[in-house]
C-alpha atoms as a PDB file:
ATOM      1  CA  UNK A   1      74.897 195.617  97.651  1.00  0.00           C
ATOM      2  CA  UNK A   2      75.473 192.534  95.520  1.00  0.00           C
ATOM      3  CA  UNK A   3      78.081 189.893  96.278  1.00  0.00           C
ATOM      4  CA  UNK A   4      81.043 188.963  94.113  1.00  0.00           C
ATOM      5  CA  UNK A   5      83.693 186.302  94.505  1.00  0.00           C
ATOM      6  CA  UNK A   6      86.493 184.774  92.515  1.00  0.00           C
ATOM      7  CA  UNK A   7      88.666 181.699  92.528  1.00  0.00           C
ATOM      8  CA  UNK A   8      92.092 181.463  90.926  1.00  0.00           C
ATOM      9  CA  UNK A   9      93.827 178.119  90.895  1.00  0.00           C
ATOM     10  CA  UNK A  10      97.589 178.185  91.117  1.00  0.00           C
ATOM     11  CA  UNK A  11      99.324 175.646  88.898  1.00  0.00           C
ATOM     12  CA  UNK A  12      99.251 172.197  90.429  1.00  0.00           C
ATOM     13  CA  UNK A  13      96.398 172.961  92.850  1.00  0.00           C
ATOM     14  CA  UNK A  14      93.476 172.254  90.524  1.00  0.00           C
ATOM     15  CA  UNK A  15      90.485 170.741  92.368  1.00  0.00           C
ATOM     16  CA  UNK A  16      88.672 167.866  90.646  1.00  0.00           C
ATOM     17  CA  UNK A  17      85.422 169.857  90.315  1.00  0.00           C
ATOM     18  CA  UNK A  18      85.646 173.647  90.272  1.00  0.00           C
ATOM     19  CA  UNK A  19      81.882 173.963  89.702  1.00  0.00           C
ATOM     20  CA  UNK A  20      81.129 172.412  93.109  1.00  0.00           C
ATOM     21  CA  UNK A  21      83.459 174.857  94.855  1.00  0.00           C
ATOM     22  CA  UNK A  22      82.021 177.863  93.014  1.00  0.00           C
ATOM     23  CA  UNK A  23      78.464 176.708  93.712  1.00  0.00           C
ATOM     24  CA  UNK A  24      79.235 176.392  97.436  1.00  0.00           C
ATOM     25  CA  UNK A  25      80.787 179.877  97.420  1.00  0.00           C
ATOM     26  CA  UNK A  26      77.677 181.276  95.700  1.00  0.00           C
ATOM     27  CA  UNK A  27      75.354 179.583  98.191  1.00  0.00           C
ATOM     28  CA  UNK A  28      77.333 181.053 101.088  1.00  0.00           C
ATOM     29  CA  UNK A  29      76.674 184.536  99.655  1.00  0.00           C
ATOM     30  CA  UNK A  30      73.036 183.998  98.734  1.00  0.00           C
ATOM     31  CA  UNK A  31      71.731 186.452 101.352  1.00  0.00           C
ATOM     32  CA  UNK A  32      73.811 189.228  99.733  1.00  0.00           C
ATOM     33  CA  UNK A  33      72.465 188.534  96.240  1.00  0.00           C
ATOM     34  CA  UNK A  34      69.072 186.841  96.461  1.00  0.00           C
ATOM     35  CA  UNK A  35      67.698 187.955  93.081  1.00  0.00           C
ATOM     36  CA  UNK A  36      69.934 186.037  90.666  1.00  0.00           C
ATOM     37  CA  UNK A  37      73.318 184.290  90.733  1.00  0.00           C
ATOM     38  CA  UNK A  38      75.648 183.688  87.812  1.00  0.00           C
ATOM     39  CA  UNK A  39      78.827 181.631  87.729  1.00  0.00           C
ATOM     40  CA  UNK A  40      81.495 181.664  85.036  1.00  0.00           C
ATOM     41  CA  UNK A  41      84.601 179.493  84.993  1.00  0.00           C
ATOM     42  CA  UNK A  42      87.330 178.077  82.833  1.00  0.00           C
ATOM     43  CA  UNK A  43      90.111 175.675  83.804  1.00  0.00           C
ATOM     44  CA  UNK A  44      91.873 177.969  86.294  1.00  0.00           C
ATOM     45  CA  UNK A  45      89.594 180.914  87.086  1.00  0.00           C
ATOM     46  CA  UNK A  46      86.031 181.237  88.346  1.00  0.00           C
ATOM     47  CA  UNK A  47      83.818 184.270  88.991  1.00  0.00           C
ATOM     48  CA  UNK A  48      80.552 184.547  90.914  1.00  0.00           C
ATOM     49  CA  UNK A  49      78.039 187.386  90.889  1.00  0.00           C
ATOM     50  CA  UNK A  50      75.079 187.232  93.273  1.00  0.00           C
ATOM     51  CA  UNK A  51      72.846 190.171  92.365  1.00  0.00           C
ATOM     52  CA  UNK A  52      70.676 192.278  94.606  1.00  0.00           C
ATOM     53  CA  UNK A  53      68.447 194.337  92.314  1.00  0.00           C
ATOM     54  CA  UNK A  54      68.147 197.842  93.733  1.00  0.00           C
ATOM     55  CA  UNK A  55      66.919 199.691  90.637  1.00  0.00           C
ATOM     56  CA  UNK A  56      64.660 198.757  87.704  1.00  0.00           C
ATOM     57  CA  UNK A  57      67.682 198.989  85.386  1.00  0.00           C
ATOM     58  CA  UNK A  58      69.664 196.465  87.413  1.00  0.00           C
ATOM     59  CA  UNK A  59      67.138 193.737  86.527  1.00  0.00           C
ATOM     60  CA  UNK A  60      68.424 193.853  82.931  1.00  0.00           C
ATOM     61  CA  UNK A  61      72.092 193.355  83.775  1.00  0.00           C
ATOM     62  CA  UNK A  62      73.877 190.028  83.687  1.00  0.00           C
ATOM     63  CA  UNK A  63      77.313 189.445  85.176  1.00  0.00           C
ATOM     64  CA  UNK A  64      80.062 188.322  84.844  1.00  0.00           C
ATOM     65  CA  UNK A  65      80.495 190.363  81.653  1.00  0.00           C
ATOM     66  CA  UNK A  66      82.531 189.109  78.702  1.00  0.00           C
ATOM     67  CA  UNK A  67      84.520 190.891  76.016  1.00  0.00           C
ATOM     68  CA  UNK A  68      84.933 188.572  73.040  1.00  0.00           C
ATOM     69  CA  UNK A  69      85.145 185.589  75.409  1.00  0.00           C
ATOM     70  CA  UNK A  70      88.709 186.677  76.316  1.00  0.00           C
ATOM     71  CA  UNK A  71      88.192 189.168  79.112  1.00  0.00           C
ATOM     72  CA  UNK A  72      85.746 188.561  81.971  1.00  0.00           C
ATOM     73  CA  UNK A  73      84.802 190.897  84.829  1.00  0.00           C
ATOM     74  CA  UNK A  74      82.285 191.068  87.622  1.00  0.00           C
ATOM     75  CA  UNK A  75      81.610 194.045  89.866  1.00  0.00           C
ATOM     76  CA  UNK A  76      79.074 195.625  92.156  1.00  0.00           C
ATOM     77  CA  UNK A  77      79.151 198.926  90.339  1.00  0.00           C
END
């Protein structure tokens, strides 16, 4: 099972460096997704996917997934 995580910043609570927080969250989950980790973020939202490849097909997938750079999703599905 892969690991997923997200961060949503409520207005006024923006940390100075979201990338550092997301990176630390990804490192904390590294044992759940040792094969590859991807991080996506914008100003208020961040998503992490730490993949554990369990099938040959899973090696071709990359998450988080984007739809026209407007809609982002990550899942262990």
